[in-house]
Amino acid sequence: MLDRIRASIPALPPAEQRVARLVLSDPRSFASLPVGELAERAHVSKPTVVRFCRSVGYDGLADFKLKLAGTVNEGVPFVHRAVDDDDKAGDIIVKVVDNAVSALLKYRNSAAGGAVEQAIALLTEAGRQGRRIEFYGVGNSGIVAQDAQHKFFRLGVHAAAVSDGHVQVMSATMLGPGDCAVIISNSGRSRDLVDVAQIAHRKGAAVIVITASGSPLAHLALQPGHVLLAADHPEDFDRYSPMVSRLLHLMIVDILTTGVALRLGSEKLRPTLQEIKKNLRARRYAEPAPPPLPSSSDPTP
């Protein structure tokens, strides 16, 4: 909810922006103070406080304060950080989507373009030289690694996704100079992935890390020979189901795939991708459903 308010500030009138900043500065107090004191602290009128609440998608001040209290008390554990116990389906749709959109826009505005460019260059060179590109992830991040492998192998490069800890160690041990190891982790604290990053680096491979800044894996990626693609988000990985981080990581994979495809040359890739599509269409056995027959109750045309 606080992320949603923060993202909406530029679109609000100046007076309502002051109310928004008051909420962000002390959400617990805002949820408990009467409207008169809120208006006085924000230097606005009482109706402006109510208008602000409606501008950001709530029924009024009472509804806003109720939801705000739920937000500052951490919502529903292990489900999603944005929702509350009494939310209806419509509320869940708005909150989950807004939470995801807010995180994606935050990444867009803060992403390190230089690091992304460096990662694309390393992956492109590995692809051109026929070297190995290995994607490593465990648990939820293992699914992202599989998606990355699916996208990259269509570019005609040697890509693989490894999610088993023992196989990851063996895979990293067989890497060499010119190869790329892409480590994907939400928490950045997986011992398996830290070990894999260290092994891949010792073997001379380039190590690209997609994880939260400030994590042990991120600190490791600050060393020479590593590229850190920081993906920060408001989810607490120890408490909540990591949905937003998965979307962020999938988006970063899309960015890398697009950049590598452009640098490998679309003229070279286009015939192969077109042939893949053609062969896939041949695998679709089901014919389109025929139009329904008119019933006996239908009027005669």
Protein backbone atom coordinates (compact mmCIF):
# COMPACT_ATOMS: atom_id res chain seq x y z
CA MET A 1 0.00 0.00 0.00
CA LEU A 2 2.84 2.40 0.84
CA ASP A 3 4.55 1.57 -2.46
CA ARG A 4 1.29 2.31 -4.25
CA ILE A 5 0.97 5.70 -2.53
CA ARG A 6 4.60 6.56 -3.28
CA ALA A 7 4.13 5.73 -6.96
CA SER A 8 0.97 7.85 -7.19
CA ILE A 9 2.47 11.08 -5.80
CA PRO A 10 3.42 12.68 -9.16
CA ALA A 11 -0.17 12.37 -10.40
CA LEU A 12 -1.77 13.98 -7.33
CA PRO A 13 -2.60 17.68 -6.84
CA PRO A 14 -0.10 19.55 -4.64
CA ALA A 15 -2.36 19.55 -1.57
CA GLU A 16 -2.97 15.80 -1.82
CA GLN A 17 0.75 15.25 -2.32
CA ARG A 18 1.28 16.77 1.13
CA VAL A 19 -1.18 14.25 2.58
CA ALA A 20 0.64 11.41 0.78
CA ARG A 21 3.98 12.49 2.22
CA LEU A 22 2.43 12.65 5.68
CA VAL A 23 1.27 9.04 5.28
CA LEU A 24 4.70 7.88 4.13
CA SER A 25 6.51 9.71 6.91
CA ASP A 26 4.52 8.03 9.72
CA PRO A 27 1.91 5.51 8.54
CA ARG A 28 1.14 4.20 12.03
CA SER A 29 0.22 7.63 13.35
CA PHE A 30 -1.82 8.44 10.25
CA ALA A 31 -3.91 5.30 10.82
CA SER A 32 -4.80 6.38 14.36
CA LEU A 33 -5.12 10.19 14.28
CA PRO A 34 -8.44 12.04 13.73
CA VAL A 35 -9.03 13.81 10.43
CA GLY A 36 -8.67 17.27 11.98
CA GLU A 37 -5.17 16.61 13.25
CA LEU A 38 -4.19 14.95 9.97
CA ALA A 39 -5.36 18.00 8.05
CA GLU A 40 -3.46 20.31 10.39
CA ARG A 41 -0.22 18.31 10.08
CA ALA A 42 -0.45 18.23 6.28
CA HIS A 43 -1.49 21.93 6.11
CA VAL A 44 -4.62 21.06 4.10
CA SER A 45 -8.36 21.07 4.69
CA LYS A 46 -10.29 18.08 6.05
CA PRO A 47 -12.03 17.42 2.69
CA THR A 48 -8.59 17.28 1.03
CA VAL A 49 -7.60 14.40 3.30
CA VAL A 50 -10.73 12.50 2.23
CA ARG A 51 -10.16 13.35 -1.45
CA PHE A 52 -6.64 11.99 -1.20
CA CYS A 53 -7.92 8.68 0.14
CA ARG A 54 -10.33 8.40 -2.79
CA SER A 55 -7.66 9.48 -5.30
CA VAL A 56 -5.48 6.49 -4.37
CA GLY A 57 -8.37 4.05 -4.73
CA TYR A 58 -10.17 3.79 -1.37
CA ASP A 59 -13.76 4.48 -0.38
CA GLY A 60 -12.89 7.22 2.08
CA LEU A 61 -10.78 8.00 5.12
CA ALA A 62 -12.20 5.18 7.27
CA ASP A 63 -11.52 2.55 4.59
CA PHE A 64 -8.06 4.01 3.94
CA LYS A 65 -7.09 3.98 7.62
CA LEU A 66 -8.37 0.42 8.06
CA LYS A 67 -6.28 -0.84 5.13
CA LEU A 68 -3.29 1.23 6.22
CA ALA A 69 -3.38 -0.33 9.68
CA GLY A 70 -3.36 -3.75 8.04
CA THR A 71 -0.38 -2.79 5.89
CA VAL A 72 1.79 -1.51 8.73
CA ASN A 73 0.97 -4.67 10.67
CA GLU A 74 2.45 -6.72 7.79
CA GLY A 75 -0.71 -8.11 6.17
CA VAL A 76 -1.21 -11.87 5.84
CA PRO A 77 1.93 -13.92 6.61
CA PHE A 78 3.26 -16.24 3.89
CA VAL A 79 0.64 -15.15 1.33
CA HIS A 80 1.38 -11.70 -0.06
CA ARG A 81 2.65 -8.58 1.63
CA ALA A 82 -0.02 -6.28 0.18
CA VAL A 83 -3.23 -8.04 1.17
CA ASP A 84 -5.33 -8.18 4.32
CA ASP A 85 -7.54 -10.89 5.81
CA ASP A 86 -10.80 -9.15 4.94
CA ASP A 87 -9.95 -8.22 1.34
CA LYS A 88 -12.48 -9.08 -1.35
CA ALA A 89 -11.48 -10.46 -4.75
CA GLY A 90 -11.52 -6.98 -6.29
CA ASP A 91 -9.21 -5.68 -3.55
CA ILE A 92 -6.82 -8.58 -4.07
CA ILE A 93 -6.67 -7.96 -7.83
CA VAL A 94 -5.86 -4.27 -7.37
CA LYS A 95 -3.31 -4.79 -4.60
CA VAL A 96 -1.42 -7.69 -6.15
CA VAL A 97 -1.24 -6.01 -9.57
CA ASP A 98 -0.31 -2.61 -8.11
CA ASN A 99 2.38 -4.21 -5.97
CA ALA A 100 3.91 -5.90 -9.01
CA VAL A 101 3.67 -2.81 -11.22
CA SER A 102 5.25 -0.65 -8.52
CA ALA A 103 8.21 -3.03 -8.22
CA LEU A 104 8.70 -3.17 -11.99
CA LEU A 105 8.62 0.63 -12.32
CA LYS A 106 11.03 0.98 -9.41
CA TYR A 107 13.45 -1.38 -11.17
CA ARG A 108 13.06 0.53 -14.44
CA ASN A 109 14.00 3.78 -12.72
CA SER A 110 16.93 2.41 -10.72
CA ALA A 111 18.44 -0.32 -12.91
CA ALA A 112 22.18 -0.01 -13.53
CA GLY A 113 22.40 0.27 -17.31
CA GLY A 114 26.16 -0.24 -17.29
CA ALA A 115 25.90 -3.57 -15.49
CA VAL A 116 23.15 -4.76 -17.84
CA GLU A 117 25.26 -3.76 -20.86
CA GLN A 118 28.24 -5.63 -19.45
CA ALA A 119 26.13 -8.76 -18.86
CA ILE A 120 24.73 -8.62 -22.39
CA ALA A 121 28.24 -8.26 -23.83
CA LEU A 122 29.53 -11.29 -21.90
CA LEU A 123 26.56 -13.45 -22.88
CA THR A 124 26.78 -12.36 -26.52
CA GLU A 125 30.48 -13.18 -26.74
CA ALA A 126 29.90 -16.59 -25.13
CA GLY A 127 27.15 -17.25 -27.67
CA ARG A 128 29.30 -16.21 -30.64
CA GLN A 129 32.23 -18.34 -29.51
CA GLY A 130 30.07 -21.40 -28.87
CA ARG A 131 30.86 -21.33 -25.14
CA ARG A 132 28.56 -22.56 -22.39
CA ILE A 133 25.95 -20.39 -20.67
CA GLU A 134 24.72 -22.03 -17.46
CA PHE A 135 21.76 -20.71 -15.43
CA TYR A 136 21.74 -21.67 -11.75
CA GLY A 137 18.82 -21.30 -9.33
CA VAL A 138 17.20 -23.29 -6.53
CA GLY A 139 13.55 -23.47 -5.53
CA ASN A 140 11.54 -20.60 -6.96
CA SER A 141 14.64 -19.23 -8.71
CA GLY A 142 15.15 -22.61 -10.35
CA ILE A 143 11.95 -21.98 -12.31
CA VAL A 144 13.37 -18.67 -13.53
CA ALA A 145 16.58 -20.46 -14.56
CA GLN A 146 14.51 -22.89 -16.65
CA ASP A 147 12.74 -19.98 -18.33
CA ALA A 148 16.12 -18.38 -19.10
CA GLN A 149 17.41 -21.61 -20.64
CA HIS A 150 14.24 -21.88 -22.73
CA LYS A 151 14.71 -18.35 -24.08
CA PHE A 152 18.44 -18.54 -24.72
CA PHE A 153 18.66 -21.93 -26.43
CA ARG A 154 16.36 -20.61 -29.16
CA LEU A 155 19.09 -18.10 -29.98
CA GLY A 156 21.33 -20.98 -31.03
CA VAL A 157 23.64 -20.81 -28.00
CA HIS A 158 24.69 -23.59 -25.62
CA ALA A 159 22.40 -22.83 -22.67
CA ALA A 160 21.44 -25.05 -19.74
CA ALA A 161 19.49 -24.63 -16.48
CA VAL A 162 20.64 -26.46 -13.34
CA SER A 163 18.65 -26.49 -10.09
CA ASP A 164 20.07 -29.51 -8.21
CA GLY A 165 22.80 -28.46 -5.78
CA HIS A 166 25.14 -31.39 -6.49
CA VAL A 167 24.73 -31.08 -10.27
CA GLN A 168 25.36 -27.33 -9.97
CA VAL A 169 28.73 -27.99 -8.35
CA MET A 170 29.68 -30.47 -11.08
CA SER A 171 28.48 -28.11 -13.80
CA ALA A 172 30.39 -25.12 -12.40
CA THR A 173 33.52 -27.23 -12.05
CA MET A 174 33.43 -27.97 -15.81
CA LEU A 175 33.21 -24.29 -16.80
CA GLY A 176 36.18 -22.44 -18.23
CA PRO A 177 37.30 -19.08 -19.59
CA GLY A 178 34.75 -17.68 -22.04
CA ASP A 179 31.83 -19.49 -20.39
CA CYS A 180 29.12 -17.65 -18.43
CA ALA A 181 27.51 -18.66 -15.15
CA VAL A 182 24.26 -16.80 -14.40
CA ILE A 183 23.30 -17.11 -10.72
CA ILE A 184 19.66 -16.31 -9.86
CA SER A 185 18.58 -15.94 -6.23
CA ASN A 186 15.86 -14.01 -4.44
CA SER A 187 17.49 -13.94 -1.01
CA GLY A 188 21.12 -14.12 -2.15
CA ARG A 189 21.83 -16.33 0.86
CA SER A 190 21.74 -19.83 -0.58
CA ARG A 191 24.94 -21.64 0.36
CA ASP A 192 24.67 -23.79 -2.78
CA LEU A 193 24.59 -20.76 -5.07
CA VAL A 194 27.39 -18.94 -3.23
CA ASP A 195 29.54 -22.06 -3.64
CA VAL A 196 28.67 -22.31 -7.34
CA ALA A 197 29.58 -18.66 -7.93
CA GLN A 198 32.95 -19.16 -6.26
CA ILE A 199 33.70 -22.34 -8.19
CA ALA A 200 32.72 -20.79 -11.54
CA HIS A 201 34.92 -17.77 -10.83
CA ARG A 202 37.90 -19.96 -9.91
CA LYS A 203 37.48 -21.83 -13.20
CA GLY A 204 37.74 -18.55 -15.13
CA ALA A 205 34.09 -18.21 -16.18
CA ALA A 206 32.28 -14.86 -16.14
CA VAL A 207 29.77 -14.78 -13.27
CA ILE A 208 26.53 -12.80 -13.65
CA VAL A 209 24.45 -12.54 -10.46
CA ILE A 210 20.76 -11.61 -10.31
CA THR A 211 19.86 -11.05 -6.66
CA ALA A 212 19.00 -8.50 -3.98
CA SER A 213 21.64 -5.85 -3.31
CA GLY A 214 23.21 -6.11 0.12
CA SER A 215 22.95 -9.91 0.21
CA PRO A 216 25.99 -12.20 0.64
CA LEU A 217 25.75 -13.22 -3.01
CA ALA A 218 25.60 -9.55 -4.07
CA HIS A 219 28.71 -8.74 -2.01
CA LEU A 220 30.51 -11.64 -3.70
CA ALA A 221 29.47 -10.25 -7.08
CA LEU A 222 31.22 -6.94 -6.37
CA GLN A 223 34.57 -8.65 -6.94
CA PRO A 224 36.34 -8.45 -10.33
CA GLY A 225 35.09 -10.98 -12.84
CA HIS A 226 31.49 -10.68 -11.63
CA VAL A 227 28.51 -8.62 -12.80
CA LEU A 228 25.77 -7.75 -10.29
CA LEU A 229 22.23 -7.17 -11.59
CA ALA A 230 20.52 -6.04 -8.41
CA ALA A 231 16.77 -6.74 -8.19
CA ASP A 232 15.39 -5.14 -5.04
CA HIS A 233 11.73 -5.37 -4.07
CA PRO A 234 9.56 -4.87 -0.97
CA GLU A 235 8.97 -8.57 -0.21
CA ASP A 236 10.54 -10.13 2.87
CA PHE A 237 11.89 -13.44 1.58
CA ASP A 238 11.81 -14.92 5.10
CA ARG A 239 8.10 -14.24 5.50
CA TYR A 240 6.22 -13.93 2.23
CA SER A 241 5.69 -15.95 -0.92
CA PRO A 242 8.17 -14.40 -3.41
CA MET A 243 5.89 -13.45 -6.29
CA VAL A 244 7.28 -10.01 -7.12
CA SER A 245 10.88 -11.20 -7.14
CA ARG A 246 10.00 -13.89 -9.66
CA LEU A 247 8.44 -11.30 -11.97
CA LEU A 248 11.49 -9.05 -11.62
CA HIS A 249 13.89 -11.90 -12.37
CA LEU A 250 11.84 -13.02 -15.37
CA MET A 251 11.86 -9.45 -16.68
CA ILE A 252 15.64 -9.20 -16.27
CA VAL A 253 16.00 -12.47 -18.21
CA ASP A 254 13.83 -10.95 -20.97
CA ILE A 255 16.05 -7.86 -21.05
CA LEU A 256 19.19 -9.98 -21.36
CA THR A 257 17.63 -12.22 -24.01
CA THR A 258 16.53 -9.23 -26.08
CA GLY A 259 19.93 -7.57 -25.82
CA VAL A 260 21.80 -10.74 -26.82
CA ALA A 261 19.42 -11.42 -29.72
CA LEU A 262 19.97 -7.91 -31.09
CA ARG A 263 23.75 -8.20 -30.86
CA LEU A 264 23.87 -11.67 -32.40
CA GLY A 265 21.99 -10.22 -35.37
CA SER A 266 18.31 -10.52 -36.15
CA GLU A 267 19.01 -11.40 -39.79
CA LYS A 268 20.79 -14.55 -38.66
CA LEU A 269 18.24 -15.50 -36.00
CA ARG A 270 15.02 -14.71 -37.86
CA PRO A 271 15.04 -17.72 -40.24
CA THR A 272 15.70 -20.12 -37.36
CA LEU A 273 12.97 -18.63 -35.17
CA GLN A 274 10.52 -18.68 -38.09
CA GLU A 275 11.30 -22.34 -38.73
CA ILE A 276 10.79 -23.14 -35.04
CA LYS A 277 7.37 -21.49 -35.18
CA LYS A 278 6.50 -23.37 -38.35
CA ASN A 279 7.47 -26.73 -36.86
CA LEU A 280 5.58 -25.97 -33.64
CA ARG A 281 2.43 -25.15 -35.58
CA ALA A 282 2.67 -28.58 -37.21
CA ARG A 283 2.49 -30.11 -33.71
CA ARG A 284 -0.91 -28.58 -32.99
CA TYR A 285 -3.28 -31.40 -33.78
CA ALA A 286 -6.50 -29.87 -32.46
CA GLU A 287 -8.60 -28.16 -35.12
CA PRO A 288 -10.58 -25.02 -34.30
CA ALA A 289 -13.94 -25.83 -32.74
CA PRO A 290 -16.83 -25.74 -35.25
CA PRO A 291 -19.55 -23.15 -34.69
CA PRO A 292 -22.42 -24.41 -32.50
CA LEU A 293 -25.43 -25.86 -34.28
CA PRO A 294 -28.64 -23.82 -33.98
CA SER A 295 -31.08 -25.21 -31.43
CA SER A 296 -34.69 -26.00 -32.23
CA SER A 297 -35.77 -22.91 -30.29
CA ASP A 298 -33.75 -20.57 -32.52
CA PRO A 299 -35.85 -18.55 -34.99
CA THR A 300 -35.61 -19.60 -38.61
CA PRO A 301 -33.39 -17.16 -40.55
